[in-house]
């Protein structure tokens, strides 16, 4: 039943296509699923104003200037250019936060409602990593940590692994839930087609998940590991190494080049995964991240890392955990993975089982009713 008196507000850094990596895409999925319970909703962007292509993805939403009231039931409100401006906030606005700085804002908006209207409205917090770890011990570390309010908010954890990590840090929410990641719908059809066909040899190609701007993806360590592997393993001359994502220019690593592919469309990304042999994707955090799972689902061997209670190799076929986060360990393990592919004459290692949750699970949408119920109280 729609929550007639409530307006759902999601706070996001951006909805522009160049920023739609896994985290924002997942947040929008939760918003779209939860919106069915709310006749009025707003998408509020805090870091980047939405461009025309971003707004076109939400044809039922009206773009509204951030300092104006509107009767539109579905709104997109840019709030990155906010100096000297205010945001209209109603008594019954409820909040869905999606990153620590959006949670910081949502919690203060809720406190303002208490001062103005006598009631603090509720905050649901989509938690997709332990975000204080994005920074060295600092003001931002402290502020990010302050947004975890176990007695007040609803925590929606991206994976049970992350929920368990928070508990190990002494952060246990009174109201929480989790969901497990699922493969992007646009990748599922190419994967099913691949699984229907007879296996064929893969190209001698490594796919690197390269995000130099994101420290936890350890891009420098990947480059040094590849460089050392290239010097030590004469077979490196026969392998192509590519990086979809942020990198659009080639990087000279000495014995080999890392070819930057830039941000690929999902069709091109699926083709790349369907024809490549090895993936490299690191994440120095308790969250598993999606690329290792995507690569493994497409039959690639994937070199990643464990962290705290995260150990993907125990649950997913073809995933190998680094024995140590050093270039030497990476070079040695890449050589061993290449050995295994050469022994199989470049044939893929096999498919995931049909009941694998990453392929057919409910995903973040499974938490939408819980979010609507909590915010509607």
Protein backbone atom coordinates (compact mmCIF):
# COMPACT_ATOMS: atom_id res chain seq x y z
CA UNK A 1 0.00 0.00 0.00
CA UNK A 2 1.46 3.42 -0.91
CA UNK A 3 2.72 5.51 2.00
CA UNK A 4 0.59 8.57 1.23
CA UNK A 5 2.10 10.88 3.84
CA UNK A 6 5.75 10.14 3.15
CA UNK A 7 8.13 11.35 0.43
CA UNK A 8 11.15 9.17 -0.28
CA UNK A 9 14.39 11.11 -0.85
CA UNK A 10 17.50 9.32 -2.09
CA UNK A 11 20.77 11.20 -1.70
CA UNK A 12 23.36 10.25 -4.33
CA UNK A 13 26.71 11.65 -5.43
CA UNK A 14 25.66 11.51 -9.10
CA UNK A 15 23.44 9.73 -11.61
CA UNK A 16 25.53 10.52 -14.68
CA UNK A 17 26.58 7.55 -16.80
CA UNK A 18 30.32 8.08 -16.23
CA UNK A 19 29.74 7.61 -12.48
CA UNK A 20 27.48 4.56 -12.70
CA UNK A 21 29.89 2.01 -11.31
CA UNK A 22 28.44 -0.77 -9.18
CA UNK A 23 27.67 1.27 -6.06
CA UNK A 24 25.49 3.97 -7.58
CA UNK A 25 23.83 1.48 -9.93
CA UNK A 26 22.89 -0.67 -6.93
CA UNK A 27 21.58 2.36 -5.02
CA UNK A 28 19.35 3.31 -7.93
CA UNK A 29 18.01 -0.24 -8.12
CA UNK A 30 17.00 -0.01 -4.46
CA UNK A 31 15.41 3.40 -4.99
CA UNK A 32 13.43 2.23 -8.00
CA UNK A 33 12.16 -0.86 -6.17
CA UNK A 34 11.26 1.06 -2.99
CA UNK A 35 9.60 3.88 -4.96
CA UNK A 36 6.55 1.68 -5.62
CA UNK A 37 5.51 2.23 -1.99
CA UNK A 38 5.83 6.02 -2.16
CA UNK A 39 3.62 8.24 -4.36
CA UNK A 40 6.19 11.04 -4.05
CA UNK A 41 9.97 10.68 -4.44
CA UNK A 42 13.07 12.78 -5.09
CA UNK A 43 16.53 11.93 -6.43
CA UNK A 44 18.91 14.50 -4.91
CA UNK A 45 22.44 14.60 -6.37
CA UNK A 46 25.14 16.12 -4.14
CA UNK A 47 28.35 15.96 -6.19
CA UNK A 48 27.48 16.30 -9.90
CA UNK A 49 24.49 17.88 -11.61
CA UNK A 50 22.64 15.36 -13.77
CA UNK A 51 23.11 15.78 -17.50
CA UNK A 52 20.39 15.31 -20.11
CA UNK A 53 21.26 11.64 -20.67
CA UNK A 54 20.97 10.93 -16.94
CA UNK A 55 17.58 12.63 -16.71
CA UNK A 56 16.37 10.73 -19.77
CA UNK A 57 16.78 7.48 -17.79
CA UNK A 58 13.95 8.68 -15.54
CA UNK A 59 11.25 9.88 -17.94
CA UNK A 60 8.63 10.07 -15.17
CA UNK A 61 10.82 12.44 -13.11
CA UNK A 62 10.81 16.24 -13.48
CA UNK A 63 14.06 18.12 -12.96
CA UNK A 64 13.48 20.76 -10.29
CA UNK A 65 15.92 23.55 -9.27
CA UNK A 66 17.23 22.95 -5.78
CA UNK A 67 15.80 26.11 -4.25
CA UNK A 68 12.28 25.73 -5.63
CA UNK A 69 9.18 23.93 -4.46
CA UNK A 70 7.39 21.63 -6.92
CA UNK A 71 4.20 19.59 -6.95
CA UNK A 72 5.76 16.99 -9.25
CA UNK A 73 5.40 13.53 -7.73
CA UNK A 74 8.77 12.31 -9.05
CA UNK A 75 11.65 14.78 -9.01
CA UNK A 76 15.36 15.03 -9.79
CA UNK A 77 16.95 17.79 -7.74
CA UNK A 78 20.57 18.82 -8.46
CA UNK A 79 22.18 20.07 -5.25
CA UNK A 80 25.89 20.17 -6.12
CA UNK A 81 25.75 23.93 -6.81
CA UNK A 82 24.37 24.79 -3.38
CA UNK A 83 26.38 27.77 -2.14
CA UNK A 84 23.92 30.22 -0.61
CA UNK A 85 20.97 28.02 -1.56
CA UNK A 86 18.54 25.89 0.41
CA UNK A 87 16.70 22.63 -0.20
CA UNK A 88 12.95 22.46 0.42
CA UNK A 89 12.32 19.86 3.14
CA UNK A 90 8.83 18.82 4.27
CA UNK A 91 7.67 17.35 7.55
CA UNK A 92 7.17 13.88 6.03
CA UNK A 93 10.37 13.61 3.98
CA UNK A 94 12.24 10.37 4.69
CA UNK A 95 15.81 9.63 3.66
CA UNK A 96 17.75 6.94 1.83
CA UNK A 97 21.51 7.50 2.12
CA UNK A 98 23.97 5.81 -0.21
CA UNK A 99 27.51 6.85 0.84
CA UNK A 100 28.94 8.28 4.06
CA UNK A 101 28.74 11.94 3.03
CA UNK A 102 25.15 11.51 1.87
CA UNK A 103 24.37 9.79 5.18
CA UNK A 104 26.03 12.69 7.01
CA UNK A 105 23.69 15.08 5.17
CA UNK A 106 20.57 12.90 5.61
CA UNK A 107 21.11 12.58 9.35
CA UNK A 108 21.37 16.35 9.71
CA UNK A 109 18.29 16.91 7.58
CA UNK A 110 16.45 14.53 9.91
CA UNK A 111 17.69 16.50 12.94
CA UNK A 112 16.53 19.74 11.30
CA UNK A 113 13.07 18.21 10.87
CA UNK A 114 13.02 17.49 14.60
CA UNK A 115 13.86 21.12 15.35
CA UNK A 116 11.33 22.54 12.91
CA UNK A 117 8.47 20.04 13.07
CA UNK A 118 9.00 18.21 16.34
CA UNK A 119 9.76 14.81 14.75
CA UNK A 120 13.00 13.46 13.29
CA UNK A 121 12.21 11.40 10.20
CA UNK A 122 13.91 8.08 9.59
CA UNK A 123 17.08 7.32 7.64
CA UNK A 124 17.83 4.11 5.76
CA UNK A 125 21.52 3.70 4.99
CA UNK A 126 22.74 1.57 2.08
CA UNK A 127 26.20 0.45 3.27
CA UNK A 128 28.39 -0.94 0.52
CA UNK A 129 31.81 -0.87 2.20
CA UNK A 130 33.51 0.19 5.43
CA UNK A 131 33.98 3.75 4.19
CA UNK A 132 36.21 5.16 6.97
CA UNK A 133 38.84 2.87 5.45
CA UNK A 134 38.83 5.02 2.30
CA UNK A 135 40.93 7.59 4.19
CA UNK A 136 43.98 7.61 6.47
CA UNK A 137 43.20 8.39 10.11
CA UNK A 138 41.87 11.90 9.67
CA UNK A 139 38.85 14.20 9.88
CA UNK A 140 37.14 12.36 7.03
CA UNK A 141 37.84 9.01 8.69
CA UNK A 142 36.17 10.28 11.87
CA UNK A 143 33.20 11.82 10.06
CA UNK A 144 32.61 8.67 7.99
CA UNK A 145 32.71 6.56 11.14
CA UNK A 146 30.27 8.92 12.85
CA UNK A 147 27.58 8.14 10.27
CA UNK A 148 27.19 4.58 11.58
CA UNK A 149 24.33 5.00 14.08
CA UNK A 150 23.36 1.47 15.15
CA UNK A 151 20.54 2.59 17.43
CA UNK A 152 18.85 4.96 14.98
CA UNK A 153 19.02 4.01 11.31
CA UNK A 154 18.21 1.00 9.15
CA UNK A 155 21.42 -0.46 7.73
CA UNK A 156 21.13 -2.20 4.34
CA UNK A 157 24.38 -4.12 3.89
CA UNK A 158 25.71 -5.13 0.48
CA UNK A 159 26.56 -8.77 1.36
CA UNK A 160 26.47 -10.76 4.57
CA UNK A 161 30.28 -10.59 4.54
CA UNK A 162 30.13 -6.84 5.07
CA UNK A 163 27.49 -7.11 7.78
CA UNK A 164 29.67 -9.62 9.62
CA UNK A 165 32.71 -7.36 9.27
CA UNK A 166 30.81 -4.48 10.89
CA UNK A 167 29.85 -6.78 13.74
CA UNK A 168 33.52 -7.70 14.17
CA UNK A 169 34.22 -3.96 14.56
CA UNK A 170 31.59 -3.68 17.30
CA UNK A 171 28.98 -2.04 15.05
CA UNK A 172 25.74 -4.02 15.31
CA UNK A 173 22.54 -2.34 14.18
CA UNK A 174 19.20 -2.78 15.92
CA UNK A 175 17.59 -2.66 12.47
CA UNK A 176 19.49 -4.12 9.56
CA UNK A 177 19.39 -6.49 6.64
CA UNK A 178 21.61 -7.57 3.78
CA UNK A 179 21.42 -8.64 0.17
CA UNK A 180 23.82 -10.54 -2.05
CA UNK A 181 25.01 -9.04 -5.35
CA UNK A 182 23.63 -10.21 -8.66
CA UNK A 183 24.93 -10.04 -12.19
CA UNK A 184 23.84 -6.99 -14.15
CA UNK A 185 20.79 -7.93 -16.25
CA UNK A 186 22.52 -6.72 -19.41
CA UNK A 187 25.31 -9.27 -18.84
CA UNK A 188 23.02 -12.20 -18.10
CA UNK A 189 21.87 -12.83 -21.68
CA UNK A 190 25.44 -12.92 -23.10
CA UNK A 191 26.45 -15.22 -20.26
CA UNK A 192 23.56 -17.60 -20.91
CA UNK A 193 24.43 -17.65 -24.62
CA UNK A 194 28.05 -18.45 -23.73
CA UNK A 195 26.93 -21.28 -21.45
CA UNK A 196 24.75 -22.77 -24.21
CA UNK A 197 27.65 -23.00 -26.66
CA UNK A 198 30.40 -25.59 -26.69
CA UNK A 199 33.53 -24.27 -24.95
CA UNK A 200 36.29 -22.91 -27.19
CA UNK A 201 39.87 -21.89 -26.35
CA UNK A 202 40.27 -18.45 -24.83
CA UNK A 203 42.64 -15.75 -26.01
CA UNK A 204 45.86 -15.26 -24.10
CA UNK A 205 44.51 -12.09 -22.54
CA UNK A 206 44.45 -10.72 -19.01
CA UNK A 207 41.74 -8.24 -18.02
CA UNK A 208 42.70 -5.80 -15.27
CA UNK A 209 40.06 -3.94 -13.30
CA UNK A 210 41.95 -0.66 -13.21
CA UNK A 211 40.70 2.29 -11.17
CA UNK A 212 43.74 4.48 -10.38
CA UNK A 213 41.49 7.05 -8.68
CA UNK A 214 40.28 4.52 -6.10
CA UNK A 215 43.00 3.61 -3.65
CA UNK A 216 41.38 0.43 -2.37
CA UNK A 217 41.62 -1.12 -5.85
CA UNK A 218 45.43 -1.12 -5.44
CA UNK A 219 46.25 -0.14 -9.02
CA UNK A 220 49.91 0.57 -8.25
CA UNK A 221 50.35 -2.91 -6.79
CA UNK A 222 48.74 -4.45 -9.87
CA UNK A 223 51.10 -2.55 -12.18
CA UNK A 224 54.19 -3.60 -10.22
CA UNK A 225 53.01 -7.21 -10.08
CA UNK A 226 52.47 -7.24 -13.85
CA UNK A 227 55.84 -5.60 -14.43
CA UNK A 228 57.63 -8.23 -12.35
CA UNK A 229 55.69 -11.08 -14.00
CA UNK A 230 56.63 -9.67 -17.39
CA UNK A 231 60.34 -9.66 -16.56
CA UNK A 232 60.29 -13.12 -14.98
CA UNK A 233 58.03 -15.00 -17.40
CA UNK A 234 59.09 -15.14 -21.05
CA UNK A 235 55.52 -16.17 -21.99
CA UNK A 236 54.35 -12.64 -21.18
CA UNK A 237 55.25 -11.62 -24.74
CA UNK A 238 52.40 -13.84 -25.96
CA UNK A 239 49.79 -12.37 -23.59
CA UNK A 240 47.72 -9.25 -24.08
CA UNK A 241 46.96 -7.20 -20.95
CA UNK A 242 44.01 -4.80 -21.09
CA UNK A 243 42.19 -2.55 -18.63
CA UNK A 244 38.57 -1.50 -19.11
CA UNK A 245 37.33 1.31 -16.89
CA UNK A 246 39.06 4.58 -16.09
CA UNK A 247 42.19 4.03 -18.18
CA UNK A 248 41.93 5.13 -21.81
CA UNK A 249 45.65 5.28 -22.71
CA UNK A 250 48.32 2.60 -22.77
CA UNK A 251 50.71 2.32 -19.82
CA UNK A 252 54.27 1.19 -20.47
CA UNK A 253 55.24 -1.32 -17.79
CA UNK A 254 58.64 -2.15 -19.26
CA UNK A 255 58.40 -5.74 -20.50
CA UNK A 256 54.75 -5.28 -21.48
CA UNK A 257 52.07 -2.67 -22.09
CA UNK A 258 48.81 -2.32 -20.23
CA UNK A 259 46.33 -1.29 -22.89
CA UNK A 260 43.67 1.10 -21.62
CA UNK A 261 40.24 0.39 -23.10
CA UNK A 262 38.28 3.14 -21.37
CA UNK A 263 34.75 2.63 -20.14
CA UNK A 264 33.11 -0.11 -22.21
CA UNK A 265 29.45 -0.61 -22.97
CA UNK A 266 28.00 -3.74 -21.43
CA UNK A 267 27.90 -5.60 -24.76
CA UNK A 268 31.60 -4.95 -25.35
CA UNK A 269 32.40 -5.81 -21.73
CA UNK A 270 30.55 -9.13 -22.04
CA UNK A 271 32.44 -9.94 -25.24
CA UNK A 272 35.73 -9.17 -23.50
CA UNK A 273 34.93 -11.47 -20.57
CA UNK A 274 33.68 -14.23 -22.89
CA UNK A 275 36.96 -14.40 -24.79
CA UNK A 276 39.60 -13.68 -22.12
CA UNK A 277 41.41 -16.11 -19.86
CA UNK A 278 42.56 -14.30 -16.71
CA UNK A 279 41.18 -11.46 -14.63
CA UNK A 280 42.95 -9.33 -12.03
CA UNK A 281 40.80 -7.38 -9.61
CA UNK A 282 41.91 -6.27 -6.15
CA UNK A 283 39.85 -4.68 -3.39
CA UNK A 284 41.60 -3.81 -0.14
CA UNK A 285 38.38 -3.76 1.87
CA UNK A 286 35.86 -6.23 3.30
CA UNK A 287 33.49 -5.84 0.37
CA UNK A 288 33.98 -8.46 -2.38
CA UNK A 289 33.24 -6.05 -5.27
CA UNK A 290 31.53 -7.17 -8.46
CA UNK A 291 34.32 -7.52 -11.11
CA UNK A 292 35.88 -10.71 -9.67
CA UNK A 293 32.43 -12.32 -9.60
CA UNK A 294 31.61 -11.16 -13.13
CA UNK A 295 34.91 -12.43 -14.50
CA UNK A 296 34.60 -15.78 -12.75
CA UNK A 297 31.00 -16.23 -13.91
CA UNK A 298 32.22 -15.88 -17.51
CA UNK A 299 34.73 -18.70 -17.05
CA UNK A 300 37.86 -16.69 -16.37
CA UNK A 301 40.45 -17.41 -13.70
CA UNK A 302 40.54 -14.42 -11.36
CA UNK A 303 43.36 -13.24 -9.11
CA UNK A 304 41.99 -11.18 -6.22
CA UNK A 305 42.71 -10.76 -2.52
CA UNK A 306 41.27 -11.78 0.79
CA UNK A 307 40.59 -9.25 3.53
CA UNK A 308 39.48 -9.90 7.12
CA UNK A 309 36.52 -12.31 6.77
CA UNK A 310 36.42 -12.01 2.94
CA UNK A 311 37.86 -15.00 1.06
CA UNK A 312 36.18 -15.39 -2.33
CA UNK A 313 38.23 -18.44 -3.30
CA UNK A 314 36.31 -20.59 -0.80
CA UNK A 315 32.97 -19.89 -2.43
CA UNK A 316 33.57 -19.37 -6.15
CA UNK A 317 35.19 -21.62 -8.72
CA UNK A 318 38.16 -20.14 -10.52
CA UNK A 319 38.91 -17.37 -8.01
CA UNK A 320 42.41 -17.35 -6.53
CA UNK A 321 43.35 -15.27 -3.46
CA UNK A 322 46.73 -13.58 -3.39
CA UNK A 323 48.94 -15.28 -0.83
CA UNK A 324 50.48 -11.90 0.00
CA UNK A 325 49.81 -8.36 -1.17
CA UNK A 326 53.18 -7.88 -2.84
CA UNK A 327 54.40 -7.72 -6.46
CA UNK A 328 56.44 -10.90 -5.88
CA UNK A 329 53.40 -12.92 -4.83
CA UNK A 330 51.36 -11.54 -7.72
CA UNK A 331 54.03 -12.39 -10.28
CA UNK A 332 54.42 -15.93 -8.97
CA UNK A 333 50.68 -16.59 -8.86
CA UNK A 334 50.11 -15.16 -12.34
CA UNK A 335 52.76 -17.56 -13.65
CA UNK A 336 50.99 -20.47 -11.95
CA UNK A 337 47.62 -19.44 -13.39
CA UNK A 338 49.17 -19.18 -16.86
CA UNK A 339 50.62 -22.68 -16.39
CA UNK A 340 47.14 -24.03 -15.69
CA UNK A 341 45.70 -22.39 -18.81
CA UNK A 342 48.52 -23.68 -20.99
CA UNK A 343 48.02 -27.20 -19.63
CA UNK A 344 44.33 -27.00 -20.58
CA UNK A 345 45.31 -25.67 -24.02
CA UNK A 346 43.50 -22.42 -23.16
CA UNK A 347 40.15 -24.08 -22.53
CA UNK A 348 37.96 -22.39 -19.87
CA UNK A 349 37.65 -23.98 -16.46
CA UNK A 350 33.89 -24.57 -16.61
CA UNK A 351 30.62 -22.91 -15.72
CA UNK A 352 29.16 -21.91 -12.40
CA UNK A 353 26.21 -24.03 -11.21
CA UNK A 354 22.77 -22.91 -12.38
CA UNK A 355 21.62 -22.21 -8.84
CA UNK A 356 24.43 -19.74 -8.12
CA UNK A 357 22.83 -16.74 -6.40
CA UNK A 358 24.96 -14.19 -8.28
CA UNK A 359 23.29 -15.31 -11.50
CA UNK A 360 19.68 -15.58 -10.41
CA UNK A 361 19.32 -14.06 -6.93
CA UNK A 362 16.88 -11.34 -5.88
CA UNK A 363 19.65 -8.78 -5.33
CA UNK A 364 19.12 -5.43 -3.68
CA UNK A 365 15.43 -5.45 -4.59
CA UNK A 366 14.89 -8.03 -1.86
CA UNK A 367 15.40 -5.22 0.68
CA UNK A 368 12.95 -2.72 -0.85
CA UNK A 369 9.94 -3.78 1.22
CA UNK A 370 12.02 -3.63 4.41
CA UNK A 371 13.23 -0.13 3.54
CA UNK A 372 9.69 1.07 2.75
CA UNK A 373 8.32 -0.42 5.96
CA UNK A 374 11.04 1.15 8.13
CA UNK A 375 10.80 4.57 6.54
CA UNK A 376 7.00 4.50 6.60
CA UNK A 377 6.72 4.13 10.37
